[in-house]
C-alpha atoms as a PDB file:
ATOM      1  CA  MET A   1       0.000   0.000   0.000  1.00  0.00           C
ATOM      2  CA  THR A   2       1.437   3.392  -1.006  1.00  0.00           C
ATOM      3  CA  GLU A   3       0.845   6.706   0.718  1.00  0.00           C
ATOM      4  CA  LYS A   4       1.919  10.294   1.010  1.00  0.00           C
ATOM      5  CA  ALA A   5       2.998  11.836   4.294  1.00  0.00           C
ATOM      6  CA  LEU A   6       4.462  15.012   5.702  1.00  0.00           C
ATOM      7  CA  PRO A   7       8.265  15.240   5.867  1.00  0.00           C
ATOM      8  CA  HIS A   8       9.720  13.784   9.030  1.00  0.00           C
ATOM      9  CA  GLU A   9      11.255  16.095  11.581  1.00  0.00           C
ATOM     10  CA  TRP A  10      14.723  14.803  10.749  1.00  0.00           C
ATOM     11  CA  THR A  11      14.508  16.713   7.462  1.00  0.00           C
ATOM     12  CA  LEU A  12      13.330  19.892   9.151  1.00  0.00           C
ATOM     13  CA  SER A  13      15.466  20.238  12.269  1.00  0.00           C
ATOM     14  CA  PRO A  14      18.647  22.343  12.014  1.00  0.00           C
ATOM     15  CA  GLU A  15      22.002  20.580  11.959  1.00  0.00           C
ATOM     16  CA  ARG A  16      23.809  20.530  15.284  1.00  0.00           C
ATOM     17  CA  GLY A  17      27.347  21.783  14.855  1.00  0.00           C
ATOM     18  CA  SER A  18      29.192  23.326  11.921  1.00  0.00           C
ATOM     19  CA  LEU A  19      32.066  22.531   9.599  1.00  0.00           C
ATOM     20  CA  THR A  20      34.391  24.464  11.885  1.00  0.00           C
ATOM     21  CA  LEU A  21      33.355  22.279  14.832  1.00  0.00           C
ATOM     22  CA  ILE A  22      33.614  19.142  12.682  1.00  0.00           C
ATOM     23  CA  LYS A  23      37.162  20.043  11.642  1.00  0.00           C
ATOM     24  CA  PHE A  24      38.098  20.819  15.239  1.00  0.00           C
ATOM     25  CA  GLY A  25      36.581  17.543  16.438  1.00  0.00           C
ATOM     26  CA  VAL A  26      38.322  15.539  13.724  1.00  0.00           C
ATOM     27  CA  ARG A  27      41.725  17.057  14.459  1.00  0.00           C
ATOM     28  CA  THR A  28      41.260  16.534  18.197  1.00  0.00           C
ATOM     29  CA  ALA A  29      40.140  12.906  17.813  1.00  0.00           C
ATOM     30  CA  LEU A  30      42.996  12.025  15.460  1.00  0.00           C
ATOM     31  CA  ARG A  31      45.504  13.694  17.760  1.00  0.00           C
ATOM     32  CA  LEU A  32      44.190  11.943  20.883  1.00  0.00           C
ATOM     33  CA  GLY A  33      43.677   8.537  19.278  1.00  0.00           C
ATOM     34  CA  ARG A  34      40.569   6.387  19.505  1.00  0.00           C
ATOM     35  CA  SER A  35      40.969   5.120  23.076  1.00  0.00           C
ATOM     36  CA  ARG A  36      41.362   8.543  24.669  1.00  0.00           C
ATOM     37  CA  ALA A  37      38.822  10.208  22.370  1.00  0.00           C
ATOM     38  CA  ARG A  38      36.206   7.641  23.441  1.00  0.00           C
ATOM     39  CA  LEU A  39      36.413   8.926  27.022  1.00  0.00           C
ATOM     40  CA  PHE A  40      34.701  12.136  25.888  1.00  0.00           C
ATOM     41  CA  LEU A  41      31.716  10.208  24.556  1.00  0.00           C
ATOM     42  CA  TYR A  42      30.380   9.459  28.034  1.00  0.00           C
ATOM     43  CA  PRO A  43      29.849  13.065  29.232  1.00  0.00           C
ATOM     44  CA  ILE A  44      28.601  14.044  25.753  1.00  0.00           C
ATOM     45  CA  CYS A  45      26.006  11.257  25.742  1.00  0.00           C
ATOM     46  CA  PHE A  46      25.006  12.058  29.311  1.00  0.00           C
ATOM     47  CA  TYR A  47      24.442  15.685  28.257  1.00  0.00           C
ATOM     48  CA  PHE A  48      22.224  14.604  25.349  1.00  0.00           C
ATOM     49  CA  LEU A  49      20.374  12.189  27.594  1.00  0.00           C
ATOM     50  CA  LEU A  50      19.433  15.132  29.807  1.00  0.00           C
ATOM     51  CA  SER A  51      18.893  17.802  27.145  1.00  0.00           C
ATOM     52  CA  SER A  52      17.408  16.070  24.069  1.00  0.00           C
ATOM     53  CA  ALA A  53      13.855  15.187  25.043  1.00  0.00           C
ATOM     54  CA  GLY A  54      12.798  14.354  21.474  1.00  0.00           C
ATOM     55  CA  ALA A  55      15.683  11.968  20.844  1.00  0.00           C
ATOM     56  CA  ARG A  56      15.181  10.418  24.284  1.00  0.00           C
ATOM     57  CA  ARG A  57      11.478   9.880  23.577  1.00  0.00           C
ATOM     58  CA  ALA A  58      12.188   8.372  20.154  1.00  0.00           C
ATOM     59  CA  SER A  59      14.850   6.071  21.593  1.00  0.00           C
ATOM     60  CA  ARG A  60      12.497   4.862  24.316  1.00  0.00           C
ATOM     61  CA  ALA A  61       9.695   4.143  21.812  1.00  0.00           C
ATOM     62  CA  TYR A  62      11.999   2.258  19.431  1.00  0.00           C
ATOM     63  CA  LEU A  63      13.763   0.262  22.155  1.00  0.00           C
ATOM     64  CA  ALA A  64      10.441  -0.836  23.623  1.00  0.00           C
ATOM     65  CA  ARG A  65       9.661  -2.447  20.257  1.00  0.00           C
ATOM     66  CA  ALA A  66      13.117  -3.892  19.619  1.00  0.00           C
ATOM     67  CA  LEU A  67      13.758  -5.174  23.152  1.00  0.00           C
ATOM     68  CA  GLY A  68      10.191  -6.329  23.811  1.00  0.00           C
ATOM     69  CA  ARG A  69      10.166  -4.644  27.215  1.00  0.00           C
ATOM     70  CA  ARG A  70      10.115  -1.200  28.779  1.00  0.00           C
ATOM     71  CA  PRO A  71      13.620   0.249  28.302  1.00  0.00           C
ATOM     72  CA  LEU A  72      15.628   1.495  31.258  1.00  0.00           C
ATOM     73  CA  VAL A  73      17.420   4.827  31.320  1.00  0.00           C
ATOM     74  CA  SER A  74      20.642   2.831  30.985  1.00  0.00           C
ATOM     75  CA  ASP A  75      19.292   1.334  27.747  1.00  0.00           C
ATOM     76  CA  ILE A  76      18.674   4.794  26.294  1.00  0.00           C
ATOM     77  CA  PHE A  77      22.161   5.899  27.361  1.00  0.00           C
ATOM     78  CA  ARG A  78      23.636   2.820  25.699  1.00  0.00           C
ATOM     79  CA  HIS A  79      21.651   3.631  22.542  1.00  0.00           C
ATOM     80  CA  PHE A  80      23.149   7.147  22.445  1.00  0.00           C
ATOM     81  CA  LEU A  81      26.611   5.786  23.239  1.00  0.00           C
ATOM     82  CA  THR A  82      26.452   3.271  20.382  1.00  0.00           C
ATOM     83  CA  PHE A  83      25.509   6.069  18.002  1.00  0.00           C
ATOM     84  CA  ALA A  84      28.322   8.293  19.287  1.00  0.00           C
ATOM     85  CA  SER A  85      30.812   5.413  19.062  1.00  0.00           C
ATOM     86  CA  CYS A  86      29.965   4.816  15.408  1.00  0.00           C
ATOM     87  CA  LEU A  87      30.288   8.541  14.676  1.00  0.00           C
ATOM     88  CA  LEU A  88      33.719   8.647  16.300  1.00  0.00           C
ATOM     89  CA  ASP A  89      34.826   5.518  14.478  1.00  0.00           C
ATOM     90  CA  ARG A  90      33.744   7.158  11.224  1.00  0.00           C
ATOM     91  CA  VAL A  91      36.531   9.714  11.693  1.00  0.00           C
ATOM     92  CA  PHE A  92      39.173   7.002  11.913  1.00  0.00           C
ATOM     93  CA  LEU A  93      37.669   4.801   9.197  1.00  0.00           C
ATOM     94  CA  LEU A  94      37.380   7.724   6.772  1.00  0.00           C
ATOM     95  CA  ASN A  95      41.039   8.464   7.419  1.00  0.00           C
ATOM     96  CA  GLU A  96      41.875   4.838   6.565  1.00  0.00           C
ATOM     97  CA  ARG A  97      42.933   3.921  10.093  1.00  0.00           C
ATOM     98  CA  THR A  98      41.422   0.452   9.953  1.00  0.00           C
ATOM     99  CA  ASP A  99      44.221  -1.599  11.506  1.00  0.00           C
ATOM    100  CA  ASP A 100      42.892  -1.110  15.045  1.00  0.00           C
ATOM    101  CA  TYR A 101      39.481  -2.565  14.178  1.00  0.00           C
ATOM    102  CA  ASP A 102      38.326  -6.150  14.284  1.00  0.00           C
ATOM    103  CA  ILE A 103      35.993  -6.381  11.268  1.00  0.00           C
ATOM    104  CA  ARG A 104      34.460  -9.773  10.508  1.00  0.00           C
ATOM    105  CA  ALA A 105      32.747 -10.145   7.145  1.00  0.00           C
ATOM    106  CA  GLU A 106      29.826 -12.465   6.436  1.00  0.00           C
ATOM    107  CA  GLY A 107      28.533 -13.010   2.913  1.00  0.00           C
ATOM    108  CA  GLU A 108      31.587 -11.490   1.255  1.00  0.00           C
ATOM    109  CA  GLU A 109      31.377 -14.197  -1.393  1.00  0.00           C
ATOM    110  CA  ILE A 110      28.259 -12.432  -2.704  1.00  0.00           C
ATOM    111  CA  LEU A 111      30.329  -9.389  -3.651  1.00  0.00           C
ATOM    112  CA  GLN A 112      33.109 -11.559  -5.013  1.00  0.00           C
ATOM    113  CA  GLY A 113      30.610 -13.289  -7.297  1.00  0.00           C
ATOM    114  CA  ILE A 114      29.300  -9.935  -8.529  1.00  0.00           C
ATOM    115  CA  GLU A 115      32.853  -8.720  -9.146  1.00  0.00           C
ATOM    116  CA  ALA A 116      33.641 -11.898 -11.078  1.00  0.00           C
ATOM    117  CA  ALA A 117      30.594 -11.236 -13.274  1.00  0.00           C
ATOM    118  CA  GLY A 118      31.817  -7.742 -14.110  1.00  0.00           C
ATOM    119  CA  GLY A 119      30.746  -5.771 -11.058  1.00  0.00           C
ATOM    120  CA  GLY A 120      28.134  -3.094 -10.728  1.00  0.00           C
ATOM    121  CA  CYS A 121      25.779  -3.488  -7.768  1.00  0.00           C
ATOM    122  CA  LEU A 122      23.370  -1.565  -5.537  1.00  0.00           C
ATOM    123  CA  LEU A 123      24.184  -1.811  -1.810  1.00  0.00           C
ATOM    124  CA  PHE A 124      21.120  -1.080   0.322  1.00  0.00           C
ATOM    125  CA  GLY A 125      21.876  -0.059   3.882  1.00  0.00           C
ATOM    126  CA  ALA A 126      19.983   1.829   6.581  1.00  0.00           C
ATOM    127  CA  HIS A 127      20.642   4.256   9.393  1.00  0.00           C
ATOM    128  CA  PHE A 128      21.804   1.239  11.325  1.00  0.00           C
ATOM    129  CA  GLY A 129      25.361   0.530  12.418  1.00  0.00           C
ATOM    130  CA  SER A 130      28.139   1.909  10.230  1.00  0.00           C
ATOM    131  CA  PHE A 131      28.165   2.152   6.458  1.00  0.00           C
ATOM    132  CA  GLU A 132      31.755   3.412   6.706  1.00  0.00           C
ATOM    133  CA  VAL A 133      32.916  -0.068   7.718  1.00  0.00           C
ATOM    134  CA  ALA A 134      31.996  -1.313   4.246  1.00  0.00           C
ATOM    135  CA  ARG A 135      33.578   1.633   2.491  1.00  0.00           C
ATOM    136  CA  ALA A 136      36.752   1.387   4.584  1.00  0.00           C
ATOM    137  CA  THR A 137      36.988  -2.335   3.894  1.00  0.00           C
ATOM    138  CA  GLY A 138      36.398  -1.706   0.192  1.00  0.00           C
ATOM    139  CA  ARG A 139      39.176   0.884   0.039  1.00  0.00           C
ATOM    140  CA  ARG A 140      41.645  -1.806   1.099  1.00  0.00           C
ATOM    141  CA  ARG A 141      41.038  -3.324  -2.338  1.00  0.00           C
ATOM    142  CA  ALA A 142      41.825  -0.888  -5.131  1.00  0.00           C
ATOM    143  CA  GLU A 143      39.462  -2.643  -7.538  1.00  0.00           C
ATOM    144  CA  LEU A 144      36.387  -2.256  -5.292  1.00  0.00           C
ATOM    145  CA  GLN A 145      34.887   1.212  -5.754  1.00  0.00           C
ATOM    146  CA  ILE A 146      31.980   2.284  -3.525  1.00  0.00           C
ATOM    147  CA  SER A 147      29.966   5.476  -4.050  1.00  0.00           C
ATOM    148  CA  LEU A 148      27.065   6.859  -2.009  1.00  0.00           C
ATOM    149  CA  LEU A 149      23.808   7.977  -3.629  1.00  0.00           C
ATOM    150  CA  MET A 150      21.601  10.364  -1.644  1.00  0.00           C
ATOM    151  CA  TYR A 151      19.235  13.307  -1.928  1.00  0.00           C
ATOM    152  CA  GLU A 152      21.050  16.413  -3.154  1.00  0.00           C
ATOM    153  CA  GLU A 153      20.452  18.516  -0.023  1.00  0.00           C
ATOM    154  CA  ASN A 154      21.898  15.801   2.206  1.00  0.00           C
ATOM    155  CA  ALA A 155      24.587  14.993  -0.369  1.00  0.00           C
ATOM    156  CA  LYS A 156      25.905  18.560  -0.143  1.00  0.00           C
ATOM    157  CA  LYS A 157      26.080  18.357   3.658  1.00  0.00           C
ATOM    158  CA  VAL A 158      27.842  15.007   3.494  1.00  0.00           C
ATOM    159  CA  ARG A 159      30.285  16.222   0.833  1.00  0.00           C
ATOM    160  CA  ASP A 160      31.129  19.225   3.022  1.00  0.00           C
ATOM    161  CA  ALA A 161      31.554  17.001   6.074  1.00  0.00           C
ATOM    162  CA  LEU A 162      33.709  14.529   4.136  1.00  0.00           C
ATOM    163  CA  ALA A 163      35.824  17.388   2.828  1.00  0.00           C
ATOM    164  CA  ALA A 164      36.408  18.363   6.456  1.00  0.00           C
ATOM    165  CA  VAL A 165      37.348  14.798   7.439  1.00  0.00           C
ATOM    166  CA  ASN A 166      39.073  13.466   4.305  1.00  0.00           C
ATOM    167  CA  PRO A 167      38.786  15.651   1.167  1.00  0.00           C
ATOM    168  CA  ARG A 168      39.603  12.778  -1.200  1.00  0.00           C
ATOM    169  CA  LEU A 169      36.318  11.044  -0.370  1.00  0.00           C
ATOM    170  CA  ALA A 170      33.895  13.868  -1.204  1.00  0.00           C
ATOM    171  CA  ALA A 171      33.800  12.817  -4.879  1.00  0.00           C
ATOM    172  CA  GLU A 172      32.364   9.427  -3.871  1.00  0.00           C
ATOM    173  CA  VAL A 173      28.989  11.059  -3.062  1.00  0.00           C
ATOM    174  CA  ILE A 174      26.409  11.322  -5.877  1.00  0.00           C
ATOM    175  CA  GLY A 175      23.523  13.742  -5.323  1.00  0.00           C
ATOM    176  CA  LEU A 176      20.046  12.774  -6.533  1.00  0.00           C
ATOM    177  CA  GLY A 177      18.001  15.458  -8.215  1.00  0.00           C
ATOM    178  CA  GLN A 178      20.569  16.816 -10.668  1.00  0.00           C
ATOM    179  CA  LEU A 179      20.101  16.434 -14.417  1.00  0.00           C
ATOM    180  CA  ASP A 180      23.119  14.150 -14.736  1.00  0.00           C
ATOM    181  CA  SER A 181      22.594  12.103 -11.531  1.00  0.00           C
ATOM    182  CA  MET A 182      21.338   8.953 -13.257  1.00  0.00           C
ATOM    183  CA  ILE A 183      23.956   9.285 -15.993  1.00  0.00           C
ATOM    184  CA  ILE A 184      26.670   9.309 -13.325  1.00  0.00           C
ATOM    185  CA  VAL A 185      25.103   6.328 -11.533  1.00  0.00           C
ATOM    186  CA  ALA A 186      24.746   4.308 -14.754  1.00  0.00           C
ATOM    187  CA  GLU A 187      28.311   5.117 -15.783  1.00  0.00           C
ATOM    188  CA  ARG A 188      29.773   4.104 -12.428  1.00  0.00           C
ATOM    189  CA  LEU A 189      27.760   0.881 -12.432  1.00  0.00           C
ATOM    190  CA  ARG A 190      29.024   0.160 -15.950  1.00  0.00           C
ATOM    191  CA  ARG A 191      32.576   0.574 -14.640  1.00  0.00           C
ATOM    192  CA  GLY A 192      31.832  -1.951 -11.883  1.00  0.00           C
ATOM    193  CA  HIS A 193      31.235   0.415  -8.968  1.00  0.00           C
ATOM    194  CA  PHE A 194      29.104  -0.514  -5.971  1.00  0.00           C
ATOM    195  CA  ILE A 195      26.507   2.204  -5.316  1.00  0.00           C
ATOM    196  CA  GLY A 196      25.345   2.518  -1.715  1.00  0.00           C
ATOM    197  CA  LEU A 197      21.922   3.844  -0.659  1.00  0.00           C
ATOM    198  CA  LEU A 198      20.348   4.147   2.767  1.00  0.00           C
ATOM    199  CA  ALA A 199      16.842   2.904   2.004  1.00  0.00           C
ATOM    200  CA  ASP A 200      15.035   3.421   5.314  1.00  0.00           C
ATOM    201  CA  ARG A 201      14.354   7.179   5.366  1.00  0.00           C
ATOM    202  CA  HIS A 202      12.207   9.290   3.088  1.00  0.00           C
ATOM    203  CA  PHE A 203      12.887  12.917   2.330  1.00  0.00           C
ATOM    204  CA  GLU A 204       9.745  14.601   1.010  1.00  0.00           C
ATOM    205  CA  GLY A 205       7.109  12.250   2.411  1.00  0.00           C
ATOM    206  CA  LYS A 206       6.084  11.086  -1.071  1.00  0.00           C
ATOM    207  CA  ASN A 207       6.011   7.741  -2.857  1.00  0.00           C
ATOM    208  CA  LEU A 208       5.921   5.617   0.284  1.00  0.00           C
ATOM    209  CA  ALA A 209       4.755   2.138   1.191  1.00  0.00           C
ATOM    210  CA  ARG A 210       3.842   1.008   4.672  1.00  0.00           C
ATOM    211  CA  HIS A 211       5.244  -2.312   5.846  1.00  0.00           C
ATOM    212  CA  GLU A 212       4.902  -4.088   9.169  1.00  0.00           C
ATOM    213  CA  PHE A 213       8.053  -3.249  11.115  1.00  0.00           C
ATOM    214  CA  LEU A 214       8.669  -4.116  14.773  1.00  0.00           C
ATOM    215  CA  GLY A 215       4.995  -4.621  15.473  1.00  0.00           C
ATOM    216  CA  ALA A 216       3.391  -1.723  13.590  1.00  0.00           C
ATOM    217  CA  PRO A 217       3.208  -0.333  10.031  1.00  0.00           C
ATOM    218  CA  ALA A 218       5.998   2.103   9.134  1.00  0.00           C
ATOM    219  CA  ALA A 219       6.519   4.111   5.948  1.00  0.00           C
ATOM    220  CA  PHE A 220       9.493   3.267   3.736  1.00  0.00           C
ATOM    221  CA  PRO A 221      10.480   5.019   0.486  1.00  0.00           C
ATOM    222  CA  ARG A 222       9.755   3.142  -2.739  1.00  0.00           C
ATOM    223  CA  GLY A 223      12.235   5.220  -4.735  1.00  0.00           C
ATOM    224  CA  PRO A 224      15.394   3.151  -4.077  1.00  0.00           C
ATOM    225  CA  PHE A 225      13.588  -0.046  -5.075  1.00  0.00           C
ATOM    226  CA  GLN A 226      12.075   1.496  -8.195  1.00  0.00           C
ATOM    227  CA  LEU A 227      15.567   2.664  -9.110  1.00  0.00           C
ATOM    228  CA  ALA A 228      16.813  -0.913  -8.689  1.00  0.00           C
ATOM    229  CA  ALA A 229      14.107  -2.192 -11.042  1.00  0.00           C
ATOM    230  CA  MET A 230      15.091   0.417 -13.619  1.00  0.00           C
ATOM    231  CA  LEU A 231      18.839  -0.252 -13.419  1.00  0.00           C
ATOM    232  CA  ARG A 232      18.417  -4.078 -13.261  1.00  0.00           C
ATOM    233  CA  ARG A 233      21.618  -4.556 -11.251  1.00  0.00           C
ATOM    234  CA  PRO A 234      21.954  -6.944  -8.297  1.00  0.00           C
ATOM    235  CA  VAL A 235      20.651  -5.543  -5.001  1.00  0.00           C
ATOM    236  CA  VAL A 236      22.582  -6.495  -1.856  1.00  0.00           C
ATOM    237  CA  MET A 237      21.695  -5.528   1.715  1.00  0.00           C
ATOM    238  CA  MET A 238      24.700  -4.371   3.726  1.00  0.00           C
ATOM    239  CA  PHE A 239      25.049  -3.639   7.450  1.00  0.00           C
ATOM    240  CA  GLY A 240      28.147  -2.824   9.495  1.00  0.00           C
ATOM    241  CA  VAL A 241      26.899  -3.962  12.915  1.00  0.00           C
ATOM    242  CA  TYR A 242      28.737  -2.453  15.880  1.00  0.00           C
ATOM    243  CA  ARG A 243      29.421  -5.091  18.543  1.00  0.00           C
ATOM    244  CA  GLY A 244      31.182  -2.932  21.127  1.00  0.00           C
ATOM    245  CA  GLY A 245      34.841  -2.119  21.672  1.00  0.00           C
ATOM    246  CA  ASN A 246      36.548  -2.167  18.283  1.00  0.00           C
ATOM    247  CA  HIS A 247      34.421  -4.998  16.860  1.00  0.00           C
ATOM    248  CA  TYR A 248      32.172  -4.796  13.800  1.00  0.00           C
ATOM    249  CA  ASP A 249      30.351  -7.481  11.858  1.00  0.00           C
ATOM    250  CA  LEU A 250      30.039  -6.607   8.177  1.00  0.00           C
ATOM    251  CA  VAL A 251      27.039  -8.487   6.763  1.00  0.00           C
ATOM    252  CA  PHE A 252      25.983  -8.888   3.124  1.00  0.00           C
ATOM    253  CA  GLU A 253      22.751 -10.540   1.967  1.00  0.00           C
ATOM    254  CA  THR A 254      21.268 -10.752  -1.520  1.00  0.00           C
ATOM    255  CA  LEU A 255      17.943  -8.945  -1.805  1.00  0.00           C
ATOM    256  CA  ALA A 256      17.491  -9.385  -5.554  1.00  0.00           C
ATOM    257  CA  PRO A 257      19.655 -10.851  -8.333  1.00  0.00           C
ATOM    258  CA  ALA A 258      20.425  -8.952 -11.522  1.00  0.00           C
ATOM    259  CA  LEU A 259      17.479  -8.655 -13.905  1.00  0.00           C
ATOM    260  CA  GLU A 260      17.921  -9.593 -17.537  1.00  0.00           C
ATOM    261  CA  THR A 261      14.880  -7.528 -18.503  1.00  0.00           C
ATOM    262  CA  ARG A 262      12.583  -5.061 -16.796  1.00  0.00           C
ATOM    263  CA  PRO A 263      10.068  -6.944 -14.581  1.00  0.00           C
ATOM    264  CA  ALA A 264       6.705  -7.565 -16.242  1.00  0.00           C
ATOM    265  CA  ASP A 265       5.018  -6.219 -13.104  1.00  0.00           C
ATOM    266  CA  VAL A 266       7.381  -3.599 -11.721  1.00  0.00           C
ATOM    267  CA  GLU A 267       5.188  -2.699  -8.749  1.00  0.00           C
ATOM    268  CA  ALA A 268       4.912  -6.310  -7.618  1.00  0.00           C
ATOM    269  CA  TRP A 269       8.700  -6.715  -7.908  1.00  0.00           C
ATOM    270  CA  VAL A 270       9.274  -3.510  -5.916  1.00  0.00           C
ATOM    271  CA  ASP A 271       6.839  -4.594  -3.191  1.00  0.00           C
ATOM    272  CA  GLU A 272       8.490  -8.009  -2.866  1.00  0.00           C
ATOM    273  CA  VAL A 273      12.046  -6.635  -2.594  1.00  0.00           C
ATOM    274  CA  MET A 274      10.871  -3.984  -0.130  1.00  0.00           C
ATOM    275  CA  ARG A 275       9.177  -6.630   1.993  1.00  0.00           C
ATOM    276  CA  ARG A 276      12.400  -8.648   2.067  1.00  0.00           C
ATOM    277  CA  TYR A 277      14.431  -5.552   2.978  1.00  0.00           C
ATOM    278  CA  VAL A 278      12.114  -4.587   5.856  1.00  0.00           C
ATOM    279  CA  GLU A 279      12.046  -8.155   7.200  1.00  0.00           C
ATOM    280  CA  ARG A 280      15.828  -8.351   7.324  1.00  0.00           C
ATOM    281  CA  LEU A 281      16.127  -4.864   8.807  1.00  0.00           C
ATOM    282  CA  GLU A 282      13.720  -5.918  11.542  1.00  0.00           C
ATOM    283  CA  HIS A 283      15.782  -9.063  12.157  1.00  0.00           C
ATOM    284  CA  TYR A 284      18.954  -7.048  12.749  1.00  0.00           C
ATOM    285  CA  CYS A 285      17.142  -4.456  14.880  1.00  0.00           C
ATOM    286  CA  ARG A 286      16.063  -7.240  17.219  1.00  0.00           C
ATOM    287  CA  GLU A 287      19.455  -8.943  17.104  1.00  0.00           C
ATOM    288  CA  ALA A 288      21.516  -5.751  17.641  1.00  0.00           C
ATOM    289  CA  PRO A 289      18.940  -3.190  18.849  1.00  0.00           C
ATOM    290  CA  PHE A 290      21.281  -0.381  19.876  1.00  0.00           C
ATOM    291  CA  ASN A 291      22.564   0.024  16.298  1.00  0.00           C
ATOM    292  CA  TRP A 292      19.359   1.802  15.134  1.00  0.00           C
ATOM    293  CA  PHE A 293      20.047   5.516  14.540  1.00  0.00           C
ATOM    294  CA  ASN A 294      16.704   7.039  13.544  1.00  0.00           C
ATOM    295  CA  PHE A 295      16.018   9.336  16.487  1.00  0.00           C
ATOM    296  CA  TYR A 296      12.522  10.440  15.519  1.00  0.00           C
ATOM    297  CA  ASP A 297       9.045   8.884  15.502  1.00  0.00           C
ATOM    298  CA  PHE A 298       9.600   6.362  12.726  1.00  0.00           C
ATOM    299  CA  TRP A 299       6.041   4.972  12.964  1.00  0.00           C
ATOM    300  CA  ARG A 300       4.195   8.302  12.690  1.00  0.00           C
END
C-alpha cells in the first residue's frame, strides 16, 4: 500500500554543529587517538540524555519495540553511546585507520561473485550501524569502488563534512536530483562500482509504502527499489553492525539478483524486494537493537 505523508522532523530540524566544529573535532580525535577520544563520549552522551527530550522519547519508543520490554534509562544511554561510538569511528575509518578494528565479514562471497561477473551493484543499507565499515573495507582493495547515492540537499552536507574529514572522499557522493545524476550512476555501475543507498528514510514524504516493522506499520520510500528495477543490477543488503569495543560485523545478503529484462510487473517486484528488505532490517534491529540511529518517531 502506497501513501503520502508530511516530511519527518529529521529533514526539518537544524544541523547541530558546523564545519568548523567538525574540523576541530576531527583534528582533536585524530591527535588523541581512539581510546582517549572515546572517554569524551560518556559526558557528551550524558548531556544529550538530559537535554534532548525528542531523541530520548524516540529512543524509548523504538527500544520498547526492539527489546520487547520497557527500556531502562541505561538502555537509552547505551543507545546514544552506540551512536556516538559509530560517529567517532567514522573519523578514523574515513582516514583509513582500519588496523585497530576487528571487522568480521559475512557473505563477502556475494560481492566476489558480482565482481567476477563484471561488477556493478546496488548496496542497500539503513541508518543502522556503520556504512563506513563497508567503504573502509572496500578501500583496502583498489578494484572495489563504492559510491554513495543520496538526496542532493543531504549529499551537499555530506560532501562538506567529508571534505572536512578526508577531502579525497567527497567525490564518492552522488547527489540525486541533478540532471546528470542517473547518468553518473549508470556510468559508475558500468565501470563496476558498488553504489550505496540508505533505504530506510524518506525525504519529502512522497512515494511511500507502509510495511509491518517491529509490530506496527511504518513508511518506507519506494524510490530506491524502483531505481533498482530500472537499473536491473543486483541488489545487496549491507550492514556494518557495531558489537562494542573495536568490533564490527560486516554483513551482506542478496535482496534481488540482476534482472535480464525489466520486470513484467514492476510494482509487484518492488513490493516483494521492499518486503524482504524490511524483514531483514527488523531481524537485525532485534538482534543488535542499539545500532538503530533514527532518532525520531519512525512509525508516525
